[in-house]
Amino acid sequence: MTRKFQLYSCNFNSDMKRTISLLAILCFTICSFLVSCSDDDTNDTPVIEACEYTTIEFDEASIAMLKEYAQAHNPWNASDSITYSCDHMTVYHWKEVDNVGSWDWSVKHNGKTFEMTATTVGFSDHCFAMEIATDIPVITGVPHTTLIVNNTNGGQAWESRLIENWKPLEKEIKLRGVVTFHMKK
């Protein structure tokens, strides 16, 4: 009788070990799944319908350089009502047809920092802007940042994409910024 009990006990321990092993594997699998669903970069993907636009938001040093340039080279009269922008480059906008991949690029690079170079400057009656040398697929076709909007002439920031006359900067300006999503309100 003792021998039967030992065999049964041995089988019971074997079954118990298998059960514990299966539970451990199950717990590991569940924990791995929960970690993969946590707030990491891969699950913070904005929904396209909720996004108004994406930008490269420039850091403080870049904004300061752009604003200093804009103030020194303002193409309008001192009496004109103007608004300085100098803080971003638009990548994607919901009102535009995205045939350049700007949405996909923004999702892939959300929160990442990029360095770029402003190479040319241009203005119209409404806007003063800098073109940026980059391979980022911007929705407007011309990677640029609006420096100043001339309110006296009825200008709006989006009109900087309509500038046709660009000239090289005397000295290129290095810029740095972060890919940022701006959601609809």
N, C-alpha and C. Protein backbone atom coordinates (compact mmCIF):
# COMPACT_ATOMS: atom_id res chain seq x y z
N MET A 1 0.81 -1.18 0.00
CA MET A 1 0.00 0.00 0.00
C MET A 1 0.86 1.25 0.00
N THR A 2 1.94 1.21 0.67
CA THR A 2 2.83 2.34 0.69
C THR A 2 3.36 2.62 -0.70
N ARG A 3 3.68 1.56 -1.40
CA ARG A 3 4.22 1.70 -2.74
C ARG A 3 3.20 2.35 -3.68
N LYS A 4 1.94 1.96 -3.63
CA LYS A 4 0.91 2.54 -4.48
C LYS A 4 0.76 4.04 -4.18
N PHE A 5 0.84 4.36 -2.92
CA PHE A 5 0.71 5.75 -2.53
C PHE A 5 1.86 6.58 -3.09
N GLN A 6 3.07 6.00 -3.05
CA GLN A 6 4.23 6.71 -3.58
C GLN A 6 4.09 6.93 -5.09
N LEU A 7 3.59 5.91 -5.83
CA LEU A 7 3.39 6.05 -7.26
C LEU A 7 2.33 7.13 -7.55
N TYR A 8 1.26 7.06 -6.81
CA TYR A 8 0.21 8.04 -7.00
C TYR A 8 0.74 9.43 -6.67
N SER A 9 1.50 9.50 -5.60
CA SER A 9 2.08 10.77 -5.19
C SER A 9 3.03 11.28 -6.27
N CYS A 10 3.79 10.40 -6.86
CA CYS A 10 4.73 10.78 -7.90
C CYS A 10 3.98 11.30 -9.13
N ASN A 11 2.89 10.61 -9.53
CA ASN A 11 2.09 11.07 -10.66
C ASN A 11 1.44 12.41 -10.34
N PHE A 12 0.98 12.53 -9.12
CA PHE A 12 0.35 13.78 -8.72
C PHE A 12 1.36 14.93 -8.83
N ASN A 13 2.59 14.71 -8.38
CA ASN A 13 3.61 15.74 -8.48
C ASN A 13 3.93 16.06 -9.93
N SER A 14 3.96 15.06 -10.78
CA SER A 14 4.22 15.25 -12.19
C SER A 14 3.09 16.07 -12.83
N ASP A 15 1.85 15.70 -12.51
CA ASP A 15 0.70 16.45 -13.02
C ASP A 15 0.73 17.88 -12.50
N MET A 16 1.07 18.03 -11.24
CA MET A 16 1.13 19.36 -10.62
C MET A 16 2.21 20.20 -11.30
N LYS A 17 3.35 19.60 -11.58
CA LYS A 17 4.44 20.32 -12.25
C LYS A 17 4.01 20.78 -13.64
N ARG A 18 3.32 19.90 -14.38
CA ARG A 18 2.82 20.27 -15.71
C ARG A 18 1.81 21.42 -15.60
N THR A 19 0.92 21.31 -14.62
CA THR A 19 -0.09 22.35 -14.43
C THR A 19 0.56 23.68 -14.09
N ILE A 20 1.53 23.65 -13.19
CA ILE A 20 2.24 24.88 -12.81
C ILE A 20 2.99 25.44 -14.01
N SER A 21 3.62 24.58 -14.79
CA SER A 21 4.33 25.03 -16.00
C SER A 21 3.37 25.69 -16.98
N LEU A 22 2.21 25.05 -17.19
CA LEU A 22 1.22 25.63 -18.11
C LEU A 22 0.71 26.97 -17.58
N LEU A 23 0.48 27.06 -16.28
CA LEU A 23 0.04 28.32 -15.69
C LEU A 23 1.11 29.40 -15.84
N ALA A 24 2.35 29.02 -15.66
CA ALA A 24 3.45 29.98 -15.81
C ALA A 24 3.52 30.48 -17.25
N ILE A 25 3.38 29.57 -18.20
CA ILE A 25 3.40 29.97 -19.62
C ILE A 25 2.21 30.87 -19.92
N LEU A 26 1.05 30.52 -19.41
CA LEU A 26 -0.15 31.32 -19.61
C LEU A 26 0.03 32.72 -19.01
N CYS A 27 0.56 32.79 -17.79
CA CYS A 27 0.80 34.09 -17.14
C CYS A 27 1.79 34.92 -17.94
N PHE A 28 2.86 34.29 -18.42
CA PHE A 28 3.86 35.00 -19.21
C PHE A 28 3.23 35.55 -20.49
N THR A 29 2.42 34.73 -21.15
CA THR A 29 1.76 35.14 -22.39
C THR A 29 0.82 36.31 -22.14
N ILE A 30 0.03 36.24 -21.09
CA ILE A 30 -0.90 37.33 -20.76
C ILE A 30 -0.13 38.60 -20.43
N CYS A 31 0.92 38.49 -19.63
CA CYS A 31 1.73 39.66 -19.29
C CYS A 31 2.37 40.27 -20.52
N SER A 32 2.88 39.44 -21.40
CA SER A 32 3.49 39.94 -22.64
C SER A 32 2.46 40.68 -23.48
N PHE A 33 1.27 40.14 -23.57
CA PHE A 33 0.21 40.79 -24.32
C PHE A 33 -0.15 42.13 -23.70
N LEU A 34 -0.28 42.17 -22.38
CA LEU A 34 -0.62 43.42 -21.70
C LEU A 34 0.46 44.47 -21.88
N VAL A 35 1.71 44.07 -21.82
CA VAL A 35 2.81 45.01 -22.03
C VAL A 35 2.77 45.54 -23.45
N SER A 36 2.47 44.69 -24.43
CA SER A 36 2.43 45.14 -25.82
C SER A 36 1.26 46.09 -26.06
N CYS A 37 0.25 46.06 -25.22
CA CYS A 37 -0.91 46.95 -25.36
C CYS A 37 -0.78 48.21 -24.52
N SER A 38 0.32 48.35 -23.82
CA SER A 38 0.49 49.52 -22.95
C SER A 38 0.76 50.76 -23.77
N ASP A 39 1.02 51.87 -23.13
CA ASP A 39 1.19 53.16 -23.79
C ASP A 39 2.56 53.33 -24.40
N ASP A 40 2.96 52.47 -25.29
CA ASP A 40 4.22 52.68 -25.99
C ASP A 40 3.92 53.38 -27.31
N ASP A 41 4.96 53.70 -28.08
CA ASP A 41 4.82 54.47 -29.32
C ASP A 41 3.93 53.78 -30.35
N THR A 42 3.93 52.44 -30.37
CA THR A 42 3.21 51.75 -31.42
C THR A 42 1.71 51.83 -31.23
N ASN A 43 1.23 52.08 -30.03
CA ASN A 43 -0.21 52.13 -29.80
C ASN A 43 -0.71 53.54 -29.56
N ASP A 44 0.13 54.54 -29.74
CA ASP A 44 -0.28 55.92 -29.60
C ASP A 44 -0.60 56.52 -30.97
N THR A 45 -0.86 55.67 -31.94
CA THR A 45 -1.12 56.13 -33.29
C THR A 45 -2.45 56.88 -33.34
N PRO A 46 -2.40 58.14 -33.70
CA PRO A 46 -3.64 58.91 -33.82
C PRO A 46 -4.51 58.39 -34.96
N VAL A 47 -5.78 58.59 -34.83
CA VAL A 47 -6.74 58.22 -35.87
C VAL A 47 -6.82 59.38 -36.86
N ILE A 48 -6.73 59.07 -38.13
CA ILE A 48 -6.67 60.11 -39.15
C ILE A 48 -7.87 61.05 -39.10
N GLU A 49 -9.04 60.52 -38.81
CA GLU A 49 -10.25 61.36 -38.77
C GLU A 49 -10.24 62.36 -37.61
N ALA A 50 -9.46 62.08 -36.58
CA ALA A 50 -9.41 62.96 -35.41
C ALA A 50 -8.30 64.01 -35.51
N CYS A 51 -7.44 63.87 -36.51
CA CYS A 51 -6.27 64.76 -36.63
C CYS A 51 -6.57 65.92 -37.57
N GLU A 52 -6.25 67.13 -37.12
CA GLU A 52 -6.40 68.30 -37.98
C GLU A 52 -5.16 68.49 -38.86
N TYR A 53 -3.99 68.42 -38.23
CA TYR A 53 -2.75 68.55 -39.00
C TYR A 53 -1.58 68.03 -38.18
N THR A 54 -0.45 67.77 -38.88
CA THR A 54 0.79 67.38 -38.22
C THR A 54 1.87 68.38 -38.62
N THR A 55 2.82 68.58 -37.73
CA THR A 55 3.88 69.56 -37.97
C THR A 55 5.21 69.04 -37.45
N ILE A 56 6.25 69.75 -37.86
CA ILE A 56 7.53 69.68 -37.17
C ILE A 56 7.52 70.94 -36.31
N GLU A 57 7.40 70.78 -35.00
CA GLU A 57 7.39 71.92 -34.07
C GLU A 57 8.84 72.23 -33.73
N PHE A 58 9.30 73.43 -34.06
CA PHE A 58 10.69 73.80 -33.85
C PHE A 58 10.99 74.01 -32.37
N ASP A 59 12.24 73.75 -32.00
CA ASP A 59 12.66 74.00 -30.62
C ASP A 59 12.88 75.51 -30.43
N GLU A 60 13.08 75.91 -29.19
CA GLU A 60 13.19 77.33 -28.85
C GLU A 60 14.33 78.03 -29.58
N ALA A 61 15.47 77.36 -29.71
CA ALA A 61 16.62 77.97 -30.40
C ALA A 61 16.30 78.23 -31.88
N SER A 62 15.63 77.28 -32.52
CA SER A 62 15.26 77.45 -33.93
C SER A 62 14.26 78.59 -34.09
N ILE A 63 13.27 78.64 -33.21
CA ILE A 63 12.26 79.72 -33.27
C ILE A 63 12.93 81.08 -33.10
N ALA A 64 13.87 81.16 -32.16
CA ALA A 64 14.57 82.43 -31.91
C ALA A 64 15.34 82.87 -33.15
N MET A 65 16.03 81.94 -33.81
CA MET A 65 16.79 82.29 -35.02
C MET A 65 15.86 82.76 -36.14
N LEU A 66 14.74 82.05 -36.32
CA LEU A 66 13.79 82.41 -37.37
C LEU A 66 13.16 83.78 -37.10
N LYS A 67 12.78 84.01 -35.86
CA LYS A 67 12.14 85.29 -35.52
C LYS A 67 13.14 86.44 -35.67
N GLU A 68 14.39 86.21 -35.25
CA GLU A 68 15.41 87.25 -35.41
C GLU A 68 15.60 87.59 -36.88
N TYR A 69 15.64 86.57 -37.74
CA TYR A 69 15.78 86.80 -39.18
C TYR A 69 14.55 87.56 -39.70
N ALA A 70 13.37 87.12 -39.30
CA ALA A 70 12.13 87.76 -39.77
C ALA A 70 12.06 89.22 -39.37
N GLN A 71 12.45 89.53 -38.16
CA GLN A 71 12.42 90.92 -37.69
C GLN A 71 13.42 91.78 -38.47
N ALA A 72 14.58 91.23 -38.75
CA ALA A 72 15.62 91.99 -39.46
C ALA A 72 15.31 92.16 -40.95
N HIS A 73 14.51 91.26 -41.52
CA HIS A 73 14.26 91.28 -42.97
C HIS A 73 12.78 91.45 -43.32
N ASN A 74 11.99 91.99 -42.44
CA ASN A 74 10.56 92.21 -42.68
C ASN A 74 10.38 92.99 -43.99
N PRO A 75 9.69 92.42 -44.97
CA PRO A 75 9.57 93.09 -46.27
C PRO A 75 8.49 94.18 -46.34
N TRP A 76 7.79 94.43 -45.27
CA TRP A 76 6.70 95.40 -45.29
C TRP A 76 7.02 96.63 -44.45
N ASN A 77 6.12 97.59 -44.50
CA ASN A 77 6.27 98.82 -43.72
C ASN A 77 6.12 98.54 -42.23
N ALA A 78 6.79 99.36 -41.44
CA ALA A 78 6.71 99.21 -39.98
C ALA A 78 5.29 99.43 -39.47
N SER A 79 4.48 100.17 -40.22
CA SER A 79 3.10 100.45 -39.78
C SER A 79 2.13 99.31 -40.10
N ASP A 80 2.56 98.34 -40.92
CA ASP A 80 1.68 97.21 -41.26
C ASP A 80 1.42 96.35 -40.04
N SER A 81 0.22 95.81 -39.98
CA SER A 81 -0.14 94.86 -38.94
C SER A 81 0.35 93.49 -39.38
N ILE A 82 1.28 92.93 -38.62
CA ILE A 82 1.87 91.64 -38.99
C ILE A 82 1.79 90.67 -37.81
N THR A 83 1.84 89.40 -38.13
CA THR A 83 1.87 88.34 -37.12
C THR A 83 3.07 87.45 -37.42
N TYR A 84 3.90 87.24 -36.41
CA TYR A 84 5.04 86.32 -36.56
C TYR A 84 4.56 84.89 -36.33
N SER A 85 5.09 83.98 -37.11
CA SER A 85 4.80 82.56 -36.93
C SER A 85 6.08 81.87 -36.46
N CYS A 86 6.96 81.52 -37.37
CA CYS A 86 8.32 81.05 -37.06
C CYS A 86 8.42 79.80 -36.19
N ASP A 87 7.34 79.05 -35.99
CA ASP A 87 7.43 77.98 -35.00
C ASP A 87 7.24 76.55 -35.52
N HIS A 88 6.89 76.39 -36.80
CA HIS A 88 6.65 75.03 -37.29
C HIS A 88 6.73 74.93 -38.81
N MET A 89 6.78 73.68 -39.27
CA MET A 89 6.63 73.35 -40.68
C MET A 89 5.48 72.35 -40.76
N THR A 90 4.44 72.67 -41.53
CA THR A 90 3.31 71.76 -41.67
C THR A 90 3.71 70.57 -42.54
N VAL A 91 3.34 69.37 -42.08
CA VAL A 91 3.61 68.15 -42.83
C VAL A 91 2.31 67.64 -43.47
N TYR A 92 1.27 67.47 -42.67
CA TYR A 92 -0.01 66.93 -43.13
C TYR A 92 -1.14 67.86 -42.70
N HIS A 93 -2.18 67.99 -43.51
CA HIS A 93 -3.38 68.74 -43.13
C HIS A 93 -4.60 68.00 -43.66
N TRP A 94 -5.61 67.86 -42.83
CA TRP A 94 -6.78 67.05 -43.18
C TRP A 94 -7.54 67.59 -44.39
N LYS A 95 -7.44 68.87 -44.71
CA LYS A 95 -8.19 69.43 -45.83
C LYS A 95 -7.55 69.11 -47.18
N GLU A 96 -6.33 68.63 -47.16
CA GLU A 96 -5.60 68.36 -48.40
C GLU A 96 -5.70 66.89 -48.78
N VAL A 97 -5.54 66.60 -50.06
CA VAL A 97 -5.47 65.22 -50.51
C VAL A 97 -4.05 64.75 -50.26
N ASP A 98 -3.92 63.66 -49.51
CA ASP A 98 -2.59 63.17 -49.16
C ASP A 98 -2.09 62.17 -50.20
N ASN A 99 -1.53 62.69 -51.29
CA ASN A 99 -0.98 61.80 -52.30
C ASN A 99 0.54 61.72 -52.21
N VAL A 100 1.11 62.32 -51.17
CA VAL A 100 2.57 62.30 -51.01
C VAL A 100 3.01 61.43 -49.84
N GLY A 101 2.05 60.87 -49.09
CA GLY A 101 2.40 60.01 -47.97
C GLY A 101 2.71 60.75 -46.69
N SER A 102 2.27 62.00 -46.58
CA SER A 102 2.59 62.78 -45.39
C SER A 102 1.93 62.22 -44.13
N TRP A 103 0.73 61.64 -44.25
CA TRP A 103 0.09 61.05 -43.08
C TRP A 103 0.88 59.84 -42.58
N ASP A 104 1.18 58.92 -43.49
CA ASP A 104 1.93 57.72 -43.11
C ASP A 104 3.30 58.08 -42.54
N TRP A 105 3.94 59.07 -43.14
CA TRP A 105 5.25 59.50 -42.64
C TRP A 105 5.09 60.04 -41.22
N SER A 106 4.08 60.86 -40.99
CA SER A 106 3.86 61.44 -39.66
C SER A 106 3.62 60.37 -38.61
N VAL A 107 2.81 59.37 -38.94
CA VAL A 107 2.53 58.28 -38.00
C VAL A 107 3.82 57.52 -37.68
N LYS A 108 4.58 57.23 -38.71
CA LYS A 108 5.83 56.47 -38.52
C LYS A 108 6.84 57.23 -37.66
N HIS A 109 6.85 58.56 -37.75
CA HIS A 109 7.86 59.37 -37.07
C HIS A 109 7.32 60.19 -35.90
N ASN A 110 6.11 59.89 -35.46
CA ASN A 110 5.47 60.62 -34.36
C ASN A 110 6.41 60.77 -33.15
N GLY A 111 6.64 62.01 -32.74
CA GLY A 111 7.46 62.28 -31.55
C GLY A 111 8.96 62.29 -31.80
N LYS A 112 9.40 62.00 -33.00
CA LYS A 112 10.83 61.97 -33.30
C LYS A 112 11.34 63.37 -33.64
N THR A 113 12.62 63.59 -33.35
CA THR A 113 13.26 64.88 -33.61
C THR A 113 14.01 64.82 -34.94
N PHE A 114 13.89 65.92 -35.70
CA PHE A 114 14.57 66.02 -36.99
C PHE A 114 15.34 67.32 -37.07
N GLU A 115 16.47 67.26 -37.79
CA GLU A 115 17.26 68.45 -38.07
C GLU A 115 17.11 68.76 -39.55
N MET A 116 16.91 70.04 -39.85
CA MET A 116 16.68 70.48 -41.23
C MET A 116 17.47 71.76 -41.46
N THR A 117 17.46 72.22 -42.70
CA THR A 117 18.16 73.44 -43.05
C THR A 117 17.27 74.33 -43.89
N ALA A 118 17.08 75.58 -43.45
CA ALA A 118 16.38 76.58 -44.26
C ALA A 118 17.39 77.11 -45.27
N THR A 119 17.01 77.09 -46.54
CA THR A 119 17.96 77.42 -47.60
C THR A 119 17.58 78.65 -48.41
N THR A 120 16.29 78.91 -48.55
CA THR A 120 15.85 80.03 -49.36
C THR A 120 14.76 80.81 -48.63
N VAL A 121 14.53 82.03 -49.10
CA VAL A 121 13.52 82.89 -48.49
C VAL A 121 12.67 83.49 -49.61
N GLY A 122 11.39 83.71 -49.31
CA GLY A 122 10.53 84.31 -50.31
C GLY A 122 9.36 85.02 -49.66
N PHE A 123 8.72 85.93 -50.42
CA PHE A 123 7.56 86.60 -49.87
C PHE A 123 6.61 87.02 -50.99
N SER A 124 5.38 87.25 -50.57
CA SER A 124 4.34 87.78 -51.45
C SER A 124 3.72 88.96 -50.72
N ASP A 125 2.61 89.47 -51.20
CA ASP A 125 1.92 90.55 -50.49
C ASP A 125 1.38 90.10 -49.14
N HIS A 126 1.19 88.79 -48.99
CA HIS A 126 0.55 88.26 -47.78
C HIS A 126 1.47 87.56 -46.80
N CYS A 127 2.53 86.93 -47.28
CA CYS A 127 3.37 86.10 -46.40
C CYS A 127 4.85 86.23 -46.70
N PHE A 128 5.64 85.97 -45.68
CA PHE A 128 7.09 85.92 -45.75
C PHE A 128 7.47 84.55 -45.19
N ALA A 129 8.27 83.77 -45.93
CA ALA A 129 8.53 82.39 -45.53
C ALA A 129 9.94 81.95 -45.90
N MET A 130 10.36 80.82 -45.31
CA MET A 130 11.62 80.19 -45.65
C MET A 130 11.36 78.78 -46.15
N GLU A 131 12.00 78.45 -47.24
CA GLU A 131 11.93 77.08 -47.76
C GLU A 131 12.96 76.23 -47.01
N ILE A 132 12.59 74.98 -46.76
CA ILE A 132 13.44 74.09 -45.98
C ILE A 132 13.87 72.92 -46.84
N ALA A 133 15.17 72.66 -46.87
CA ALA A 133 15.70 71.53 -47.63
C ALA A 133 15.51 70.27 -46.78
N THR A 134 14.61 69.40 -47.22
CA THR A 134 14.33 68.16 -46.49
C THR A 134 13.64 67.18 -47.43
N ASP A 135 13.71 65.90 -47.10
CA ASP A 135 13.00 64.90 -47.89
C ASP A 135 11.68 64.49 -47.21
N ILE A 136 11.27 65.23 -46.19
CA ILE A 136 10.00 64.96 -45.52
C ILE A 136 8.87 65.26 -46.51
N PRO A 137 7.94 64.32 -46.71
CA PRO A 137 6.88 64.52 -47.70
C PRO A 137 5.76 65.44 -47.18
N VAL A 138 5.90 66.72 -47.41
CA VAL A 138 4.91 67.68 -46.93
C VAL A 138 3.73 67.78 -47.89
N ILE A 139 2.56 68.00 -47.33
CA ILE A 139 1.31 68.04 -48.09
C ILE A 139 1.27 69.19 -49.10
N THR A 140 1.98 70.29 -48.79
CA THR A 140 1.92 71.47 -49.65
C THR A 140 2.87 71.40 -50.84
N GLY A 141 3.73 70.40 -50.87
CA GLY A 141 4.67 70.27 -51.97
C GLY A 141 5.98 71.00 -51.75
N VAL A 142 5.94 72.14 -51.06
CA VAL A 142 7.15 72.91 -50.79
C VAL A 142 7.37 72.93 -49.26
N PRO A 143 8.39 72.23 -48.79
CA PRO A 143 8.67 72.28 -47.35
C PRO A 143 9.09 73.70 -46.96
N HIS A 144 8.34 74.31 -46.05
CA HIS A 144 8.64 75.69 -45.68
C HIS A 144 8.08 76.00 -44.30
N THR A 145 8.50 77.12 -43.76
CA THR A 145 7.92 77.66 -42.54
C THR A 145 7.52 79.10 -42.80
N THR A 146 6.33 79.46 -42.36
CA THR A 146 5.87 80.83 -42.49
C THR A 146 6.54 81.66 -41.40
N LEU A 147 7.17 82.76 -41.79
CA LEU A 147 7.83 83.63 -40.82
C LEU A 147 6.88 84.73 -40.35
N ILE A 148 6.26 85.42 -41.33
CA ILE A 148 5.37 86.54 -41.02
C ILE A 148 4.14 86.48 -41.92
N VAL A 149 3.00 86.84 -41.35
CA VAL A 149 1.77 87.03 -42.12
C VAL A 149 1.44 88.51 -42.07
N ASN A 150 1.16 89.10 -43.24
CA ASN A 150 0.80 90.52 -43.31
C ASN A 150 -0.72 90.64 -43.19
N ASN A 151 -1.18 91.02 -42.00
CA ASN A 151 -2.62 91.16 -41.73
C ASN A 151 -3.21 92.37 -42.46
N THR A 152 -2.41 93.40 -42.66
CA THR A 152 -2.88 94.61 -43.35
C THR A 152 -3.34 94.26 -44.75
N ASN A 153 -2.65 93.35 -45.40
CA ASN A 153 -3.00 92.93 -46.76
C ASN A 153 -3.97 91.75 -46.78
N GLY A 154 -4.50 91.38 -45.60
CA GLY A 154 -5.45 90.26 -45.54
C GLY A 154 -4.80 88.90 -45.64
N GLY A 155 -3.52 88.82 -45.32
CA GLY A 155 -2.80 87.56 -45.44
C GLY A 155 -3.24 86.51 -44.43
N GLN A 156 -3.04 85.26 -44.81
CA GLN A 156 -3.26 84.11 -43.94
C GLN A 156 -2.06 83.19 -44.08
N ALA A 157 -1.72 82.51 -43.00
CA ALA A 157 -0.49 81.70 -42.97
C ALA A 157 -0.43 80.67 -44.09
N TRP A 158 -1.55 80.06 -44.43
CA TRP A 158 -1.53 79.02 -45.45
C TRP A 158 -1.08 79.56 -46.82
N GLU A 159 -1.19 80.87 -47.03
CA GLU A 159 -0.83 81.45 -48.32
C GLU A 159 0.68 81.45 -48.59
N SER A 160 1.46 81.12 -47.57
CA SER A 160 2.91 81.06 -47.80
C SER A 160 3.28 79.97 -48.80
N ARG A 161 2.43 78.98 -48.96
CA ARG A 161 2.70 77.93 -49.95
C ARG A 161 2.55 78.43 -51.38
N LEU A 162 1.93 79.61 -51.54
CA LEU A 162 1.70 80.18 -52.87
C LEU A 162 2.85 81.06 -53.34
N ILE A 163 3.82 81.28 -52.48
CA ILE A 163 4.97 82.12 -52.85
C ILE A 163 5.69 81.47 -54.03
N GLU A 164 5.99 82.27 -55.03
CA GLU A 164 6.66 81.75 -56.24
C GLU A 164 8.10 82.20 -56.36
N ASN A 165 8.41 83.35 -55.78
CA ASN A 165 9.76 83.89 -55.92
C ASN A 165 10.58 83.62 -54.66
N TRP A 166 11.54 82.74 -54.79
CA TRP A 166 12.42 82.38 -53.69
C TRP A 166 13.85 82.78 -54.07
N LYS A 167 14.61 83.21 -53.08
CA LYS A 167 16.03 83.51 -53.35
C LYS A 167 16.85 82.84 -52.23
N PRO A 168 18.08 82.45 -52.56
CA PRO A 168 18.92 81.77 -51.57
C PRO A 168 19.22 82.67 -50.37
N LEU A 169 19.25 82.07 -49.20
CA LEU A 169 19.67 82.81 -48.01
C LEU A 169 21.16 83.08 -48.10
N GLU A 170 21.59 84.19 -47.54
CA GLU A 170 23.03 84.48 -47.49
C GLU A 170 23.74 83.42 -46.67
N LYS A 171 23.09 82.98 -45.59
CA LYS A 171 23.64 81.94 -44.74
C LYS A 171 22.50 81.00 -44.36
N GLU A 172 22.67 79.69 -44.66
CA GLU A 172 21.63 78.73 -44.32
C GLU A 172 21.40 78.68 -42.81
N ILE A 173 20.18 78.35 -42.41
CA ILE A 173 19.82 78.31 -40.99
C ILE A 173 19.47 76.87 -40.61
N LYS A 174 20.17 76.34 -39.62
CA LYS A 174 19.91 74.99 -39.13
C LYS A 174 18.72 75.02 -38.18
N LEU A 175 17.78 74.11 -38.39
CA LEU A 175 16.57 74.03 -37.58
C LEU A 175 16.43 72.64 -36.98
N ARG A 176 15.74 72.59 -35.86
CA ARG A 176 15.52 71.32 -35.18
C ARG A 176 14.09 71.32 -34.65
N GLY A 177 13.38 70.19 -34.85
CA GLY A 177 12.00 70.13 -34.38
C GLY A 177 11.50 68.71 -34.22
N VAL A 178 10.33 68.60 -33.61
CA VAL A 178 9.72 67.32 -33.25
C VAL A 178 8.42 67.12 -34.04
N VAL A 179 8.20 65.93 -34.55
CA VAL A 179 6.96 65.60 -35.25
C VAL A 179 5.83 65.62 -34.21
N THR A 180 4.80 66.44 -34.49
CA THR A 180 3.73 66.66 -33.51
C THR A 180 2.37 66.56 -34.20
N PHE A 181 1.42 65.91 -33.52
CA PHE A 181 0.04 65.80 -34.02
C PHE A 181 -0.83 66.84 -33.33
N HIS A 182 -1.69 67.50 -34.11
CA HIS A 182 -2.64 68.48 -33.60
C HIS A 182 -4.03 67.95 -33.91
N MET A 183 -4.77 67.62 -32.87
CA MET A 183 -6.06 66.97 -33.04
C MET A 183 -7.18 68.00 -33.23
N LYS A 184 -8.24 67.58 -33.93
CA LYS A 184 -9.41 68.44 -34.11
C LYS A 184 -10.07 68.66 -32.76
N LYS A 185 -10.64 69.84 -32.59
CA LYS A 185 -11.28 70.16 -31.31
C LYS A 185 -12.76 69.99 -31.39
